[in-house]
Amino acid sequence: MKFGINCTFTDRSTITPAAYGRAVEDRGFDSIFLAEHTHIPVKEISPYPFGDRPASLYHTIDPFVALSIMAEVTDHLLLGTGISLIAQRDPITTAKMIASLDLVSNGRFILGIGTGWNVEEMANHGGNPTRRGAIATEHILAMKEIWHNDKAEFHGEFVDFDPIYSWPKPVQSPHPPVYVGGGEKAFARVVKVGDGWFPNLESPDGLGPKIERLRELAGREVPVTVMHVGPAEADIIAGYGRFDVERIVFPVDTEASDPSAALDHLVALTAQLRS
């Protein structure tokens, strides 16, 4: 089982993306995933799904900018979004940004996507929040057309363009892996556009039957990377290994007084699990 880090960089983080990328790679983690919010509406109704809403949500740095900086100072660390609110992004612009990041990182980018919990945020981008799942799926399909074809063309319900040229193309073939976040409601999206499932979980309870159902729907082996929510306790983390989980991603607060101390704790935990 592999281990990665999930975090959000803000204008209040006590460590820079460059320094943190090096720290994560030096400690042997295989990946880092950065969260995304373009903004948080002042008048919001949507409940935050993971307990108390952290103040960091209001101060986030764009994850693609931070990952680009990390790409320059690391050699083998996988660089991902965890997650990108892909339904809120223009697919043509985003396809170029992802291909560019995959190029400058020499093929180390992972696109973790989700539909998001803040429907007011998406509404401000002009999309219909009630259709955000369908919009996200179509955006991925449109981006794949751009990545795969010199003359790319797409005609859908939400995205429509005649043949275009767009370079660079991604280094990874056929494209950077797409990890689809969400619960069982996202299984159809995993099957249609995903290369892996990327759920938020507090424990492995009930995970086995879900993985079996997903793989039955997909008709193939679907890798599972779990974004663990909550304290990283050895018995809980070890439980994921019973269900053929490829990777566990741990949350770390970059606004803490010493974010590297959390990494050192996780290094000790993962060493214990490997022994």
C-alpha atoms as a PDB file:
ATOM      1  CA  MET A   1       0.000   0.000   0.000  1.00  0.00           C
ATOM      2  CA  LYS A   2       1.269   3.455  -0.914  1.00  0.00           C
ATOM      3  CA  PHE A   3       0.927   6.601   1.197  1.00  0.00           C
ATOM      4  CA  GLY A   4       0.346  10.209   0.201  1.00  0.00           C
ATOM      5  CA  ILE A   5      -0.485  13.606   1.660  1.00  0.00           C
ATOM      6  CA  ASN A   6      -3.527  15.830   1.175  1.00  0.00           C
ATOM      7  CA  CYS A   7      -3.449  19.503   2.075  1.00  0.00           C
ATOM      8  CA  THR A   8      -4.491  23.011   1.167  1.00  0.00           C
ATOM      9  CA  PHE A   9      -2.037  25.850   0.664  1.00  0.00           C
ATOM     10  CA  THR A  10      -3.205  29.292   1.710  1.00  0.00           C
ATOM     11  CA  ASP A  11      -1.846  32.780   2.088  1.00  0.00           C
ATOM     12  CA  ARG A  12      -1.428  31.878   5.784  1.00  0.00           C
ATOM     13  CA  SER A  13       0.480  28.598   5.353  1.00  0.00           C
ATOM     14  CA  THR A  14       3.604  28.433   7.495  1.00  0.00           C
ATOM     15  CA  ILE A  15       5.567  26.598   4.805  1.00  0.00           C
ATOM     16  CA  THR A  16       5.907  27.256   1.082  1.00  0.00           C
ATOM     17  CA  PRO A  17       4.749  24.794  -1.588  1.00  0.00           C
ATOM     18  CA  ALA A  18       8.365  24.317  -2.675  1.00  0.00           C
ATOM     19  CA  ALA A  19       9.633  23.508   0.818  1.00  0.00           C
ATOM     20  CA  TYR A  20       6.683  21.261   1.540  1.00  0.00           C
ATOM     21  CA  GLY A  21       6.966  19.380  -1.733  1.00  0.00           C
ATOM     22  CA  ARG A  22      10.589  18.612  -0.932  1.00  0.00           C
ATOM     23  CA  ALA A  23       9.709  17.604   2.636  1.00  0.00           C
ATOM     24  CA  VAL A  24       6.997  15.202   1.460  1.00  0.00           C
ATOM     25  CA  GLU A  25       9.240  13.609  -1.167  1.00  0.00           C
ATOM     26  CA  ASP A  26      12.247  13.370   1.166  1.00  0.00           C
ATOM     27  CA  ARG A  27      10.154  11.450   3.708  1.00  0.00           C
ATOM     28  CA  GLY A  28       9.218   8.787   1.185  1.00  0.00           C
ATOM     29  CA  PHE A  29       5.584   9.603   0.473  1.00  0.00           C
ATOM     30  CA  ASP A  30       4.648   8.791  -3.093  1.00  0.00           C
ATOM     31  CA  SER A  31       2.184  11.616  -3.738  1.00  0.00           C
ATOM     32  CA  ILE A  32       0.637  14.903  -2.679  1.00  0.00           C
ATOM     33  CA  PHE A  33      -2.886  16.083  -3.457  1.00  0.00           C
ATOM     34  CA  LEU A  34      -4.040  19.690  -3.128  1.00  0.00           C
ATOM     35  CA  ALA A  35      -7.591  20.895  -2.575  1.00  0.00           C
ATOM     36  CA  GLU A  36      -9.368  23.609  -4.556  1.00  0.00           C
ATOM     37  CA  HIS A  37     -11.864  26.398  -3.963  1.00  0.00           C
ATOM     38  CA  THR A  38     -12.004  29.439  -6.227  1.00  0.00           C
ATOM     39  CA  HIS A  39     -13.952  31.318  -3.541  1.00  0.00           C
ATOM     40  CA  ILE A  40     -16.456  30.846  -0.733  1.00  0.00           C
ATOM     41  CA  PRO A  41     -19.698  32.842  -1.120  1.00  0.00           C
ATOM     42  CA  VAL A  42     -20.548  35.096   1.805  1.00  0.00           C
ATOM     43  CA  LYS A  43     -24.163  33.928   1.678  1.00  0.00           C
ATOM     44  CA  GLU A  44     -23.805  30.171   1.637  1.00  0.00           C
ATOM     45  CA  ILE A  45     -26.323  27.552   2.607  1.00  0.00           C
ATOM     46  CA  SER A  46     -24.537  24.317   1.761  1.00  0.00           C
ATOM     47  CA  PRO A  47     -23.336  22.474   4.892  1.00  0.00           C
ATOM     48  CA  TYR A  48     -19.692  21.517   5.120  1.00  0.00           C
ATOM     49  CA  PRO A  49     -19.659  17.690   5.076  1.00  0.00           C
ATOM     50  CA  PHE A  50     -16.627  17.089   7.320  1.00  0.00           C
ATOM     51  CA  GLY A  51     -17.546  18.762  10.608  1.00  0.00           C
ATOM     52  CA  ASP A  52     -16.603  22.360  11.411  1.00  0.00           C
ATOM     53  CA  ARG A  53     -15.805  24.459   8.374  1.00  0.00           C
ATOM     54  CA  PRO A  54     -12.082  25.312   8.446  1.00  0.00           C
ATOM     55  CA  ALA A  55     -11.052  28.931   7.975  1.00  0.00           C
ATOM     56  CA  SER A  56      -8.458  27.792   5.425  1.00  0.00           C
ATOM     57  CA  LEU A  57     -11.232  27.377   2.826  1.00  0.00           C
ATOM     58  CA  TYR A  58     -11.412  31.155   2.493  1.00  0.00           C
ATOM     59  CA  HIS A  59      -7.685  31.554   1.782  1.00  0.00           C
ATOM     60  CA  THR A  60      -6.764  28.786  -0.658  1.00  0.00           C
ATOM     61  CA  ILE A  61      -4.005  29.132  -3.241  1.00  0.00           C
ATOM     62  CA  ASP A  62      -4.836  27.721  -6.661  1.00  0.00           C
ATOM     63  CA  PRO A  63      -3.668  24.082  -6.557  1.00  0.00           C
ATOM     64  CA  PHE A  64      -2.301  24.084 -10.105  1.00  0.00           C
ATOM     65  CA  VAL A  65      -0.006  26.996  -9.263  1.00  0.00           C
ATOM     66  CA  ALA A  66       1.268  25.285  -6.115  1.00  0.00           C
ATOM     67  CA  LEU A  67       1.746  21.962  -7.915  1.00  0.00           C
ATOM     68  CA  SER A  68       3.717  23.672 -10.683  1.00  0.00           C
ATOM     69  CA  ILE A  69       6.109  25.013  -8.065  1.00  0.00           C
ATOM     70  CA  MET A  70       6.442  21.554  -6.508  1.00  0.00           C
ATOM     71  CA  ALA A  71       7.142  20.037  -9.919  1.00  0.00           C
ATOM     72  CA  GLU A  72      10.287  22.135 -10.208  1.00  0.00           C
ATOM     73  CA  VAL A  73      11.792  21.061  -6.879  1.00  0.00           C
ATOM     74  CA  THR A  74      10.857  17.350  -6.789  1.00  0.00           C
ATOM     75  CA  ASP A  75      11.921  14.389  -8.906  1.00  0.00           C
ATOM     76  CA  HIS A  76       9.444  11.556  -8.455  1.00  0.00           C
ATOM     77  CA  LEU A  77       6.626  12.803  -6.189  1.00  0.00           C
ATOM     78  CA  LEU A  78       3.238  12.354  -7.864  1.00  0.00           C
ATOM     79  CA  LEU A  79       1.363  15.669  -8.005  1.00  0.00           C
ATOM     80  CA  GLY A  80      -2.414  15.626  -7.810  1.00  0.00           C
ATOM     81  CA  THR A  81      -5.555  17.610  -7.154  1.00  0.00           C
ATOM     82  CA  GLY A  82      -7.592  16.400  -4.252  1.00  0.00           C
ATOM     83  CA  ILE A  83      -9.976  17.424  -5.484  1.00  0.00           C
ATOM     84  CA  SER A  84     -10.433  19.750  -8.466  1.00  0.00           C
ATOM     85  CA  LEU A  85     -13.964  21.111  -8.876  1.00  0.00           C
ATOM     86  CA  ILE A  86     -13.902  20.277 -12.552  1.00  0.00           C
ATOM     87  CA  ALA A  87     -17.512  21.265 -13.286  1.00  0.00           C
ATOM     88  CA  GLN A  88     -16.614  24.862 -12.399  1.00  0.00           C
ATOM     89  CA  ARG A  89     -13.673  25.025 -14.786  1.00  0.00           C
ATOM     90  CA  ASP A  90     -13.587  25.842 -18.489  1.00  0.00           C
ATOM     91  CA  PRO A  91     -12.578  22.519 -20.093  1.00  0.00           C
ATOM     92  CA  ILE A  92     -10.480  23.996 -22.919  1.00  0.00           C
ATOM     93  CA  THR A  93      -8.405  26.154 -20.571  1.00  0.00           C
ATOM     94  CA  THR A  94      -8.157  23.397 -17.984  1.00  0.00           C
ATOM     95  CA  ALA A  95      -7.085  20.805 -20.562  1.00  0.00           C
ATOM     96  CA  LYS A  96      -4.138  23.024 -21.535  1.00  0.00           C
ATOM     97  CA  MET A  97      -3.207  23.710 -17.906  1.00  0.00           C
ATOM     98  CA  ILE A  98      -3.234  20.008 -17.033  1.00  0.00           C
ATOM     99  CA  ALA A  99      -1.236  19.048 -20.129  1.00  0.00           C
ATOM    100  CA  SER A 100       1.263  21.814 -19.332  1.00  0.00           C
ATOM    101  CA  LEU A 101       1.643  20.630 -15.730  1.00  0.00           C
ATOM    102  CA  ASP A 102       2.059  17.039 -16.882  1.00  0.00           C
ATOM    103  CA  LEU A 103       4.767  18.234 -19.281  1.00  0.00           C
ATOM    104  CA  VAL A 104       6.774  20.297 -16.784  1.00  0.00           C
ATOM    105  CA  SER A 105       6.519  17.529 -14.162  1.00  0.00           C
ATOM    106  CA  ASN A 106       7.646  14.888 -16.689  1.00  0.00           C
ATOM    107  CA  GLY A 107       4.404  12.933 -16.444  1.00  0.00           C
ATOM    108  CA  ARG A 108       3.703  13.071 -12.703  1.00  0.00           C
ATOM    109  CA  PHE A 109       0.250  14.668 -12.595  1.00  0.00           C
ATOM    110  CA  ILE A 110      -2.922  12.991 -11.272  1.00  0.00           C
ATOM    111  CA  LEU A 111      -6.292  14.650 -11.841  1.00  0.00           C
ATOM    112  CA  GLY A 112      -8.457  14.077  -8.787  1.00  0.00           C
ATOM    113  CA  ILE A 113     -11.954  15.406  -9.475  1.00  0.00           C
ATOM    114  CA  GLY A 114     -15.198  15.879  -7.607  1.00  0.00           C
ATOM    115  CA  THR A 115     -18.480  17.724  -7.862  1.00  0.00           C
ATOM    116  CA  GLY A 116     -18.069  19.620  -4.597  1.00  0.00           C
ATOM    117  CA  TRP A 117     -20.334  20.319  -1.663  1.00  0.00           C
ATOM    118  CA  ASN A 118     -20.763  24.102  -2.057  1.00  0.00           C
ATOM    119  CA  VAL A 119     -23.547  24.592  -4.604  1.00  0.00           C
ATOM    120  CA  GLU A 120     -23.427  28.386  -4.141  1.00  0.00           C
ATOM    121  CA  GLU A 121     -19.804  28.396  -5.270  1.00  0.00           C
ATOM    122  CA  MET A 122     -20.671  26.576  -8.482  1.00  0.00           C
ATOM    123  CA  ALA A 123     -23.695  28.784  -9.140  1.00  0.00           C
ATOM    124  CA  ASN A 124     -21.389  31.810  -9.186  1.00  0.00           C
ATOM    125  CA  HIS A 125     -19.491  30.169 -12.048  1.00  0.00           C
ATOM    126  CA  GLY A 126     -22.662  30.098 -14.127  1.00  0.00           C
ATOM    127  CA  GLY A 127     -23.357  26.371 -14.022  1.00  0.00           C
ATOM    128  CA  ASN A 128     -26.471  24.609 -12.810  1.00  0.00           C
ATOM    129  CA  PRO A 129     -25.513  23.047  -9.453  1.00  0.00           C
ATOM    130  CA  THR A 130     -28.200  20.389  -9.806  1.00  0.00           C
ATOM    131  CA  ARG A 131     -26.450  19.136 -12.975  1.00  0.00           C
ATOM    132  CA  ARG A 132     -22.890  19.395 -11.711  1.00  0.00           C
ATOM    133  CA  GLY A 133     -22.296  15.652 -11.938  1.00  0.00           C
ATOM    134  CA  ALA A 134     -23.277  15.536 -15.604  1.00  0.00           C
ATOM    135  CA  ILE A 135     -21.283  18.700 -16.291  1.00  0.00           C
ATOM    136  CA  ALA A 136     -18.168  17.249 -14.632  1.00  0.00           C
ATOM    137  CA  THR A 137     -18.441  14.071 -16.695  1.00  0.00           C
ATOM    138  CA  GLU A 138     -18.794  15.996 -19.937  1.00  0.00           C
ATOM    139  CA  HIS A 139     -15.893  18.297 -19.093  1.00  0.00           C
ATOM    140  CA  ILE A 140     -13.624  15.269 -18.655  1.00  0.00           C
ATOM    141  CA  LEU A 141     -14.811  13.774 -21.954  1.00  0.00           C
ATOM    142  CA  ALA A 142     -14.137  17.067 -23.738  1.00  0.00           C
ATOM    143  CA  MET A 143     -10.657  17.374 -22.213  1.00  0.00           C
ATOM    144  CA  LYS A 144      -9.798  13.835 -23.286  1.00  0.00           C
ATOM    145  CA  GLU A 145     -10.692  14.753 -26.864  1.00  0.00           C
ATOM    146  CA  ILE A 146      -8.257  17.681 -26.648  1.00  0.00           C
ATOM    147  CA  TRP A 147      -5.506  15.536 -25.128  1.00  0.00           C
ATOM    148  CA  HIS A 148      -5.895  12.685 -27.611  1.00  0.00           C
ATOM    149  CA  ASN A 149      -6.356  14.500 -30.931  1.00  0.00           C
ATOM    150  CA  ASP A 150      -4.394  17.059 -32.935  1.00  0.00           C
ATOM    151  CA  LYS A 151      -7.699  18.329 -34.286  1.00  0.00           C
ATOM    152  CA  ALA A 152     -10.046  18.083 -31.329  1.00  0.00           C
ATOM    153  CA  GLU A 153     -13.803  18.486 -31.625  1.00  0.00           C
ATOM    154  CA  PHE A 154     -16.611  18.070 -29.105  1.00  0.00           C
ATOM    155  CA  HIS A 155     -20.358  18.567 -29.262  1.00  0.00           C
ATOM    156  CA  GLY A 156     -22.233  17.907 -26.051  1.00  0.00           C
ATOM    157  CA  GLU A 157     -24.966  19.318 -23.876  1.00  0.00           C
ATOM    158  CA  PHE A 158     -22.671  21.591 -21.859  1.00  0.00           C
ATOM    159  CA  VAL A 159     -19.519  21.809 -24.018  1.00  0.00           C
ATOM    160  CA  ASP A 160     -19.542  22.545 -27.727  1.00  0.00           C
ATOM    161  CA  PHE A 161     -16.631  23.387 -29.992  1.00  0.00           C
ATOM    162  CA  ASP A 162     -15.667  22.764 -33.603  1.00  0.00           C
ATOM    163  CA  PRO A 163     -12.168  21.390 -34.405  1.00  0.00           C
ATOM    164  CA  ILE A 164      -9.375  23.112 -32.497  1.00  0.00           C
ATOM    165  CA  TYR A 165      -5.604  22.863 -32.158  1.00  0.00           C
ATOM    166  CA  SER A 166      -4.292  22.742 -28.614  1.00  0.00           C
ATOM    167  CA  TRP A 167      -0.798  21.837 -27.474  1.00  0.00           C
ATOM    168  CA  PRO A 168       1.014  20.636 -25.464  1.00  0.00           C
ATOM    169  CA  LYS A 169      -0.347  17.145 -25.146  1.00  0.00           C
ATOM    170  CA  PRO A 170       0.149  15.293 -21.848  1.00  0.00           C
ATOM    171  CA  VAL A 171       3.320  13.279 -21.343  1.00  0.00           C
ATOM    172  CA  GLN A 172       1.365  10.387 -19.865  1.00  0.00           C
ATOM    173  CA  SER A 173      -0.416   8.119 -22.304  1.00  0.00           C
ATOM    174  CA  PRO A 174      -3.236   8.216 -23.042  1.00  0.00           C
ATOM    175  CA  HIS A 175      -3.635  11.040 -20.474  1.00  0.00           C
ATOM    176  CA  PRO A 176      -2.992  11.794 -16.788  1.00  0.00           C
ATOM    177  CA  PRO A 177      -4.996   9.376 -14.621  1.00  0.00           C
ATOM    178  CA  VAL A 178      -8.415  10.639 -13.530  1.00  0.00           C
ATOM    179  CA  TYR A 179      -9.332   9.791  -9.935  1.00  0.00           C
ATOM    180  CA  VAL A 180     -13.047  10.309  -9.358  1.00  0.00           C
ATOM    181  CA  GLY A 181     -14.067  11.414  -5.875  1.00  0.00           C
ATOM    182  CA  GLY A 182     -17.407  10.744  -4.221  1.00  0.00           C
ATOM    183  CA  GLY A 183     -19.437   7.871  -2.876  1.00  0.00           C
ATOM    184  CA  GLU A 184     -21.502   5.262  -4.649  1.00  0.00           C
ATOM    185  CA  LYS A 185     -23.400   7.977  -6.531  1.00  0.00           C
ATOM    186  CA  ALA A 186     -20.148   8.659  -8.389  1.00  0.00           C
ATOM    187  CA  PHE A 187     -19.696   5.067  -9.568  1.00  0.00           C
ATOM    188  CA  ALA A 188     -21.227   5.766 -12.983  1.00  0.00           C
ATOM    189  CA  ARG A 189     -18.715   8.613 -13.449  1.00  0.00           C
ATOM    190  CA  VAL A 190     -15.843   6.343 -12.406  1.00  0.00           C
ATOM    191  CA  VAL A 191     -16.946   3.786 -14.984  1.00  0.00           C
ATOM    192  CA  LYS A 192     -17.405   6.350 -17.768  1.00  0.00           C
ATOM    193  CA  VAL A 193     -14.396   8.660 -17.370  1.00  0.00           C
ATOM    194  CA  GLY A 194     -12.328   7.479 -14.405  1.00  0.00           C
ATOM    195  CA  ASP A 195      -9.094   5.580 -13.980  1.00  0.00           C
ATOM    196  CA  GLY A 196      -9.592   5.200 -10.227  1.00  0.00           C
ATOM    197  CA  TRP A 197     -11.966   5.829  -7.324  1.00  0.00           C
ATOM    198  CA  PHE A 198     -10.995   8.507  -4.770  1.00  0.00           C
ATOM    199  CA  PRO A 199     -13.402   8.409  -1.795  1.00  0.00           C
ATOM    200  CA  ASN A 200     -13.254  10.358   1.473  1.00  0.00           C
ATOM    201  CA  LEU A 201     -13.520   7.840   4.317  1.00  0.00           C
ATOM    202  CA  GLU A 202     -13.226   7.864   8.082  1.00  0.00           C
ATOM    203  CA  SER A 203     -12.699   4.097   8.297  1.00  0.00           C
ATOM    204  CA  PRO A 204     -12.662   1.001   6.079  1.00  0.00           C
ATOM    205  CA  ASP A 205     -16.044  -0.171   7.414  1.00  0.00           C
ATOM    206  CA  GLY A 206     -18.210  -1.307   4.506  1.00  0.00           C
ATOM    207  CA  LEU A 207     -15.528  -0.553   1.937  1.00  0.00           C
ATOM    208  CA  GLY A 208     -15.090  -4.090   0.617  1.00  0.00           C
ATOM    209  CA  PRO A 209     -18.624  -4.531  -0.798  1.00  0.00           C
ATOM    210  CA  LYS A 210     -18.461  -1.073  -2.405  1.00  0.00           C
ATOM    211  CA  ILE A 211     -15.221  -1.898  -4.204  1.00  0.00           C
ATOM    212  CA  GLU A 212     -16.702  -5.183  -5.400  1.00  0.00           C
ATOM    213  CA  ARG A 213     -19.800  -3.429  -6.705  1.00  0.00           C
ATOM    214  CA  LEU A 214     -17.746  -0.757  -8.474  1.00  0.00           C
ATOM    215  CA  ARG A 215     -15.506  -3.293 -10.176  1.00  0.00           C
ATOM    216  CA  GLU A 216     -18.540  -5.341 -11.192  1.00  0.00           C
ATOM    217  CA  LEU A 217     -20.121  -2.253 -12.760  1.00  0.00           C
ATOM    218  CA  ALA A 218     -16.869  -1.313 -14.495  1.00  0.00           C
ATOM    219  CA  GLY A 219     -16.029  -4.807 -15.670  1.00  0.00           C
ATOM    220  CA  ARG A 220     -12.399  -4.156 -14.764  1.00  0.00           C
ATOM    221  CA  GLU A 221     -10.058  -3.667 -11.841  1.00  0.00           C
ATOM    222  CA  VAL A 222     -10.518  -0.104 -10.574  1.00  0.00           C
ATOM    223  CA  PRO A 223      -7.665   1.182  -8.369  1.00  0.00           C
ATOM    224  CA  VAL A 224      -8.816   2.785  -5.121  1.00  0.00           C
ATOM    225  CA  THR A 225      -7.032   5.665  -3.416  1.00  0.00           C
ATOM    226  CA  VAL A 226      -8.629   6.614  -0.090  1.00  0.00           C
ATOM    227  CA  MET A 227      -8.483  10.160   1.216  1.00  0.00           C
ATOM    228  CA  HIS A 228      -8.618   9.372   4.926  1.00  0.00           C
ATOM    229  CA  VAL A 229     -10.650  11.818   7.001  1.00  0.00           C
ATOM    230  CA  GLY A 230      -9.895  12.029  10.683  1.00  0.00           C
ATOM    231  CA  PRO A 231      -7.061  10.897  12.962  1.00  0.00           C
ATOM    232  CA  ALA A 232      -4.521   8.526  11.436  1.00  0.00           C
ATOM    233  CA  GLU A 233      -4.692   5.562  13.824  1.00  0.00           C
ATOM    234  CA  ALA A 234      -2.705   2.448  13.018  1.00  0.00           C
ATOM    235  CA  ASP A 235      -5.545  -0.063  13.390  1.00  0.00           C
ATOM    236  CA  ILE A 236      -7.871   1.978  11.174  1.00  0.00           C
ATOM    237  CA  ILE A 237      -5.268   2.541   8.468  1.00  0.00           C
ATOM    238  CA  ALA A 238      -4.240  -1.120   8.523  1.00  0.00           C
ATOM    239  CA  GLY A 239      -7.871  -2.037   7.901  1.00  0.00           C
ATOM    240  CA  TYR A 240      -7.798  -0.524   4.434  1.00  0.00           C
ATOM    241  CA  GLY A 241      -5.194  -3.075   3.421  1.00  0.00           C
ATOM    242  CA  ARG A 242      -7.765  -5.864   3.671  1.00  0.00           C
ATOM    243  CA  PHE A 243      -9.591  -4.447   0.665  1.00  0.00           C
ATOM    244  CA  ASP A 244      -6.874  -4.060  -1.953  1.00  0.00           C
ATOM    245  CA  VAL A 245      -6.581  -0.292  -1.512  1.00  0.00           C
ATOM    246  CA  GLU A 246      -3.752   1.111  -3.618  1.00  0.00           C
ATOM    247  CA  ARG A 247      -3.025   4.232  -1.580  1.00  0.00           C
ATOM    248  CA  ILE A 248      -4.008   6.076   1.607  1.00  0.00           C
ATOM    249  CA  VAL A 249      -3.809   9.868   1.562  1.00  0.00           C
ATOM    250  CA  PHE A 250      -3.501  11.645   4.921  1.00  0.00           C
ATOM    251  CA  PRO A 251      -4.667  15.204   5.653  1.00  0.00           C
ATOM    252  CA  VAL A 252      -2.074  17.691   6.903  1.00  0.00           C
ATOM    253  CA  ASP A 253      -2.623  21.301   7.990  1.00  0.00           C
ATOM    254  CA  THR A 254      -0.145  23.643   6.275  1.00  0.00           C
ATOM    255  CA  GLU A 255      -1.216  26.478   8.598  1.00  0.00           C
ATOM    256  CA  ALA A 256       0.075  24.610  11.661  1.00  0.00           C
ATOM    257  CA  SER A 257       3.105  25.990  13.452  1.00  0.00           C
ATOM    258  CA  ASP A 258       5.221  23.081  12.193  1.00  0.00           C
ATOM    259  CA  PRO A 259       3.596  21.137   9.319  1.00  0.00           C
ATOM    260  CA  SER A 260       6.695  18.976   8.969  1.00  0.00           C
ATOM    261  CA  ALA A 261       6.091  17.537  12.441  1.00  0.00           C
ATOM    262  CA  ALA A 262       2.865  15.985  11.178  1.00  0.00           C
ATOM    263  CA  LEU A 263       4.793  14.418   8.316  1.00  0.00           C
ATOM    264  CA  ASP A 264       7.268  12.887  10.757  1.00  0.00           C
ATOM    265  CA  HIS A 265       4.402  11.387  12.767  1.00  0.00           C
ATOM    266  CA  LEU A 266       2.975   9.865   9.595  1.00  0.00           C
ATOM    267  CA  VAL A 267       6.388   8.488   8.601  1.00  0.00           C
ATOM    268  CA  ALA A 268       6.512   6.627  11.930  1.00  0.00           C
ATOM    269  CA  LEU A 269       2.950   5.372  11.471  1.00  0.00           C
ATOM    270  CA  THR A 270       3.509   4.102   7.932  1.00  0.00           C
ATOM    271  CA  ALA A 271       6.782   2.433   8.966  1.00  0.00           C
ATOM    272  CA  GLN A 272       4.839   0.594  11.665  1.00  0.00           C
ATOM    273  CA  LEU A 273       2.280  -0.561   9.118  1.00  0.00           C
ATOM    274  CA  ARG A 274       4.974  -1.813   6.760  1.00  0.00           C
ATOM    275  CA  SER A 275       6.802  -3.774   9.445  1.00  0.00           C
END
